[in-house]
């Protein structure tokens, strides 16, 4: 695979993860709304108020998660896989002697063929160590040197 194809695949996997989060949050919001409506038809008194408050809290929590997922979708939309970087920045793939990283969003482990990549946010301590470094540079994380082999 070319470097551009690797970045495109990593980006697609991150987008799939965020799309899944959006779907889960939207479904949970809908369930909470339905729960409030169903509860209001069948309950009276304190039980009704308690259940309604719990359902509203769940709906609020899911709305926050949905909002965060939508922000991440917008952020991913800024990554241009065809742009290759010489220095580590948002959207870069960083290959090191300790593993491979995609500086994008915190999405965990991604696989391309048999190669593992870790999608990390630029705000993570490791990504901050990589920022503005190039192939051949050494980053230090947890007092351990990490050799940067390639950046694109």
C-alpha atoms as a PDB file:
ATOM      1  CA  UNK A   1       0.000   0.000   0.000  1.00  0.00           C
ATOM      2  CA  UNK A   2       1.110   3.547  -0.639  1.00  0.00           C
ATOM      3  CA  UNK A   3       1.430   6.016   2.203  1.00  0.00           C
ATOM      4  CA  UNK A   4      -1.664   7.828   0.950  1.00  0.00           C
ATOM      5  CA  UNK A   5      -3.639   4.563   0.917  1.00  0.00           C
ATOM      6  CA  UNK A   6      -2.541   3.778   4.474  1.00  0.00           C
ATOM      7  CA  UNK A   7      -3.689   7.209   5.661  1.00  0.00           C
ATOM      8  CA  UNK A   8      -6.986   6.849   3.775  1.00  0.00           C
ATOM      9  CA  UNK A   9      -7.642   3.446   5.355  1.00  0.00           C
ATOM     10  CA  UNK A  10      -6.775   4.687   8.857  1.00  0.00           C
ATOM     11  CA  UNK A  11      -9.047   7.684   8.366  1.00  0.00           C
ATOM     12  CA  UNK A  12     -11.904   5.465   7.168  1.00  0.00           C
ATOM     13  CA  UNK A  13     -11.524   3.199  10.200  1.00  0.00           C
ATOM     14  CA  UNK A  14     -11.616   6.207  12.547  1.00  0.00           C
ATOM     15  CA  UNK A  15     -14.694   7.538  10.754  1.00  0.00           C
ATOM     16  CA  UNK A  16     -16.392   4.148  11.108  1.00  0.00           C
ATOM     17  CA  UNK A  17     -15.707   4.163  14.852  1.00  0.00           C
ATOM     18  CA  UNK A  18     -17.176   7.653  15.223  1.00  0.00           C
ATOM     19  CA  UNK A  19     -20.169   6.793  13.015  1.00  0.00           C
ATOM     20  CA  UNK A  20     -20.819   3.843  15.314  1.00  0.00           C
ATOM     21  CA  UNK A  21     -20.631   6.106  18.398  1.00  0.00           C
ATOM     22  CA  UNK A  22     -23.098   8.516  16.773  1.00  0.00           C
ATOM     23  CA  UNK A  23     -25.504   5.659  16.039  1.00  0.00           C
ATOM     24  CA  UNK A  24     -25.297   4.255  19.560  1.00  0.00           C
ATOM     25  CA  UNK A  25     -25.899   7.672  21.118  1.00  0.00           C
ATOM     26  CA  UNK A  26     -28.827   8.443  18.821  1.00  0.00           C
ATOM     27  CA  UNK A  27     -30.418   5.073  19.591  1.00  0.00           C
ATOM     28  CA  UNK A  28     -29.970   5.584  23.340  1.00  0.00           C
ATOM     29  CA  UNK A  29     -31.523   9.061  23.129  1.00  0.00           C
ATOM     30  CA  UNK A  30     -34.510   7.623  21.262  1.00  0.00           C
ATOM     31  CA  UNK A  31     -34.907   4.825  23.833  1.00  0.00           C
ATOM     32  CA  UNK A  32     -34.779   7.329  26.687  1.00  0.00           C
ATOM     33  CA  UNK A  33     -37.432   9.494  25.006  1.00  0.00           C
ATOM     34  CA  UNK A  34     -39.644   6.458  24.453  1.00  0.00           C
ATOM     35  CA  UNK A  35     -39.107   5.400  28.063  1.00  0.00           C
ATOM     36  CA  UNK A  36     -40.279   8.773  29.337  1.00  0.00           C
ATOM     37  CA  UNK A  37     -43.348   8.651  27.093  1.00  0.00           C
ATOM     38  CA  UNK A  38     -44.227   5.077  28.091  1.00  0.00           C
ATOM     39  CA  UNK A  39     -43.640   5.767  31.776  1.00  0.00           C
ATOM     40  CA  UNK A  40     -45.893   8.830  31.698  1.00  0.00           C
ATOM     41  CA  UNK A  41     -48.735   6.671  30.364  1.00  0.00           C
ATOM     42  CA  UNK A  42     -48.482   4.025  33.061  1.00  0.00           C
ATOM     43  CA  UNK A  43     -47.171   5.634  36.258  1.00  0.00           C
ATOM     44  CA  UNK A  44     -48.307   8.124  38.825  1.00  0.00           C
ATOM     45  CA  UNK A  45     -46.737   9.946  41.757  1.00  0.00           C
ATOM     46  CA  UNK A  46     -43.142   9.774  42.991  1.00  0.00           C
ATOM     47  CA  UNK A  47     -42.236   6.702  40.948  1.00  0.00           C
ATOM     48  CA  UNK A  48     -43.165   8.575  37.782  1.00  0.00           C
ATOM     49  CA  UNK A  49     -41.080  11.614  38.741  1.00  0.00           C
ATOM     50  CA  UNK A  50     -38.053   9.499  39.698  1.00  0.00           C
ATOM     51  CA  UNK A  51     -38.199   7.458  36.495  1.00  0.00           C
ATOM     52  CA  UNK A  52     -38.709  10.580  34.410  1.00  0.00           C
ATOM     53  CA  UNK A  53     -35.695  12.252  36.056  1.00  0.00           C
ATOM     54  CA  UNK A  54     -33.511   9.174  35.436  1.00  0.00           C
ATOM     55  CA  UNK A  55     -34.598   9.006  31.802  1.00  0.00           C
ATOM     56  CA  UNK A  56     -33.894  12.731  31.365  1.00  0.00           C
ATOM     57  CA  UNK A  57     -30.434  12.305  32.895  1.00  0.00           C
ATOM     58  CA  UNK A  58     -29.705   9.429  30.510  1.00  0.00           C
ATOM     59  CA  UNK A  59     -30.952  11.491  27.588  1.00  0.00           C
ATOM     60  CA  UNK A  60     -28.720  14.417  28.626  1.00  0.00           C
ATOM     61  CA  UNK A  61     -25.665  12.130  28.976  1.00  0.00           C
ATOM     62  CA  UNK A  62     -26.253  10.609  25.555  1.00  0.00           C
ATOM     63  CA  UNK A  63     -26.785  14.055  24.029  1.00  0.00           C
ATOM     64  CA  UNK A  64     -23.374  15.117  25.355  1.00  0.00           C
ATOM     65  CA  UNK A  65     -21.769  11.965  23.946  1.00  0.00           C
ATOM     66  CA  UNK A  66     -23.494  12.564  20.613  1.00  0.00           C
ATOM     67  CA  UNK A  67     -22.243  16.145  20.553  1.00  0.00           C
ATOM     68  CA  UNK A  68     -18.660  14.983  21.236  1.00  0.00           C
ATOM     69  CA  UNK A  69     -18.883  12.337  18.499  1.00  0.00           C
ATOM     70  CA  UNK A  70     -20.155  14.926  16.017  1.00  0.00           C
ATOM     71  CA  UNK A  71     -17.230  17.217  16.916  1.00  0.00           C
ATOM     72  CA  UNK A  72     -14.836  14.324  16.263  1.00  0.00           C
ATOM     73  CA  UNK A  73     -16.487  13.730  12.875  1.00  0.00           C
ATOM     74  CA  UNK A  74     -15.820  17.362  11.948  1.00  0.00           C
ATOM     75  CA  UNK A  75     -12.248  17.071  13.164  1.00  0.00           C
ATOM     76  CA  UNK A  76     -11.643  13.952  11.065  1.00  0.00           C
ATOM     77  CA  UNK A  77     -13.044  15.804   8.063  1.00  0.00           C
ATOM     78  CA  UNK A  78     -10.050  18.147   8.250  1.00  0.00           C
ATOM     79  CA  UNK A  79      -7.574  15.333   7.578  1.00  0.00           C
ATOM     80  CA  UNK A  80      -6.419  15.133   3.973  1.00  0.00           C
ATOM     81  CA  UNK A  81      -4.939  11.669   3.384  1.00  0.00           C
ATOM     82  CA  UNK A  82      -3.261  12.770   0.162  1.00  0.00           C
ATOM     83  CA  UNK A  83      -1.161  15.330   2.080  1.00  0.00           C
ATOM     84  CA  UNK A  84       2.074  13.780   3.320  1.00  0.00           C
ATOM     85  CA  UNK A  85       3.808  15.460   6.247  1.00  0.00           C
ATOM     86  CA  UNK A  86       7.509  15.741   6.935  1.00  0.00           C
ATOM     87  CA  UNK A  87       6.962  16.760  10.560  1.00  0.00           C
ATOM     88  CA  UNK A  88       4.422  15.220  12.920  1.00  0.00           C
ATOM     89  CA  UNK A  89       1.178  17.165  13.059  1.00  0.00           C
ATOM     90  CA  UNK A  90      -2.553  16.458  13.183  1.00  0.00           C
ATOM     91  CA  UNK A  91      -3.287  13.849  10.496  1.00  0.00           C
ATOM     92  CA  UNK A  92       0.222  12.373  10.421  1.00  0.00           C
ATOM     93  CA  UNK A  93       1.125   8.718  10.479  1.00  0.00           C
ATOM     94  CA  UNK A  94       4.160   8.130  12.689  1.00  0.00           C
ATOM     95  CA  UNK A  95       6.120   4.900  12.417  1.00  0.00           C
ATOM     96  CA  UNK A  96       8.507   4.255  15.306  1.00  0.00           C
ATOM     97  CA  UNK A  97      10.619   1.463  16.712  1.00  0.00           C
ATOM     98  CA  UNK A  98       7.906   1.119  19.397  1.00  0.00           C
ATOM     99  CA  UNK A  99       4.843   1.001  17.145  1.00  0.00           C
ATOM    100  CA  UNK A 100       2.823   2.908  14.569  1.00  0.00           C
ATOM    101  CA  UNK A 101       0.547   5.854  15.326  1.00  0.00           C
ATOM    102  CA  UNK A 102      -2.084   7.931  13.558  1.00  0.00           C
ATOM    103  CA  UNK A 103      -2.317  11.389  15.134  1.00  0.00           C
ATOM    104  CA  UNK A 104      -6.031  12.050  14.748  1.00  0.00           C
ATOM    105  CA  UNK A 105      -8.517  11.074  17.462  1.00  0.00           C
ATOM    106  CA  UNK A 106      -8.299   8.681  20.358  1.00  0.00           C
ATOM    107  CA  UNK A 107      -9.763   5.572  18.742  1.00  0.00           C
ATOM    108  CA  UNK A 108      -7.468   2.814  19.943  1.00  0.00           C
ATOM    109  CA  UNK A 109      -5.924   0.058  17.872  1.00  0.00           C
ATOM    110  CA  UNK A 110      -6.486  -0.078  14.129  1.00  0.00           C
ATOM    111  CA  UNK A 111      -5.294  -2.794  11.762  1.00  0.00           C
ATOM    112  CA  UNK A 112      -4.176  -2.525   8.155  1.00  0.00           C
ATOM    113  CA  UNK A 113      -3.335  -5.912   6.768  1.00  0.00           C
ATOM    114  CA  UNK A 114      -1.075  -7.295   9.527  1.00  0.00           C
ATOM    115  CA  UNK A 115       0.197  -3.927  10.752  1.00  0.00           C
ATOM    116  CA  UNK A 116      -1.076  -2.364  13.989  1.00  0.00           C
ATOM    117  CA  UNK A 117      -1.613   1.361  14.311  1.00  0.00           C
ATOM    118  CA  UNK A 118      -2.841   3.312  17.299  1.00  0.00           C
ATOM    119  CA  UNK A 119      -5.113   6.281  16.659  1.00  0.00           C
ATOM    120  CA  UNK A 120      -4.132   8.915  19.217  1.00  0.00           C
ATOM    121  CA  UNK A 121      -5.325  12.441  19.853  1.00  0.00           C
ATOM    122  CA  UNK A 122      -2.789  15.258  19.448  1.00  0.00           C
ATOM    123  CA  UNK A 123      -3.554  16.153  23.081  1.00  0.00           C
ATOM    124  CA  UNK A 124      -2.204  12.859  24.439  1.00  0.00           C
ATOM    125  CA  UNK A 125       1.197  13.007  26.139  1.00  0.00           C
ATOM    126  CA  UNK A 126       2.709  10.649  23.550  1.00  0.00           C
ATOM    127  CA  UNK A 127       1.447  12.680  20.592  1.00  0.00           C
ATOM    128  CA  UNK A 128       2.732  15.878  22.203  1.00  0.00           C
ATOM    129  CA  UNK A 129       6.180  14.258  22.337  1.00  0.00           C
ATOM    130  CA  UNK A 130       5.948  13.494  18.611  1.00  0.00           C
ATOM    131  CA  UNK A 131       4.661  16.887  17.436  1.00  0.00           C
ATOM    132  CA  UNK A 132       6.994  18.764  15.075  1.00  0.00           C
ATOM    133  CA  UNK A 133       9.489  15.887  14.992  1.00  0.00           C
ATOM    134  CA  UNK A 134      10.658  14.253  11.763  1.00  0.00           C
ATOM    135  CA  UNK A 135      11.928  10.859  10.658  1.00  0.00           C
ATOM    136  CA  UNK A 136      15.243  10.217  12.382  1.00  0.00           C
ATOM    137  CA  UNK A 137      14.336  12.237  15.486  1.00  0.00           C
ATOM    138  CA  UNK A 138      14.025  10.688  18.924  1.00  0.00           C
ATOM    139  CA  UNK A 139      11.077  11.350  21.214  1.00  0.00           C
ATOM    140  CA  UNK A 140      11.166  10.536  24.914  1.00  0.00           C
ATOM    141  CA  UNK A 141       8.139   9.085  26.632  1.00  0.00           C
ATOM    142  CA  UNK A 142       8.137   7.718  30.192  1.00  0.00           C
ATOM    143  CA  UNK A 143      11.918   8.190  30.224  1.00  0.00           C
ATOM    144  CA  UNK A 144      12.268   5.832  27.251  1.00  0.00           C
ATOM    145  CA  UNK A 145      13.595   6.899  23.842  1.00  0.00           C
ATOM    146  CA  UNK A 146      11.371   6.284  20.840  1.00  0.00           C
ATOM    147  CA  UNK A 147      13.052   6.430  17.439  1.00  0.00           C
ATOM    148  CA  UNK A 148      10.843   7.987  14.760  1.00  0.00           C
ATOM    149  CA  UNK A 149      11.401   5.962  11.604  1.00  0.00           C
ATOM    150  CA  UNK A 150       8.935   7.605   9.230  1.00  0.00           C
ATOM    151  CA  UNK A 151       6.375  10.403   9.162  1.00  0.00           C
ATOM    152  CA  UNK A 152       3.766  10.927   6.478  1.00  0.00           C
END
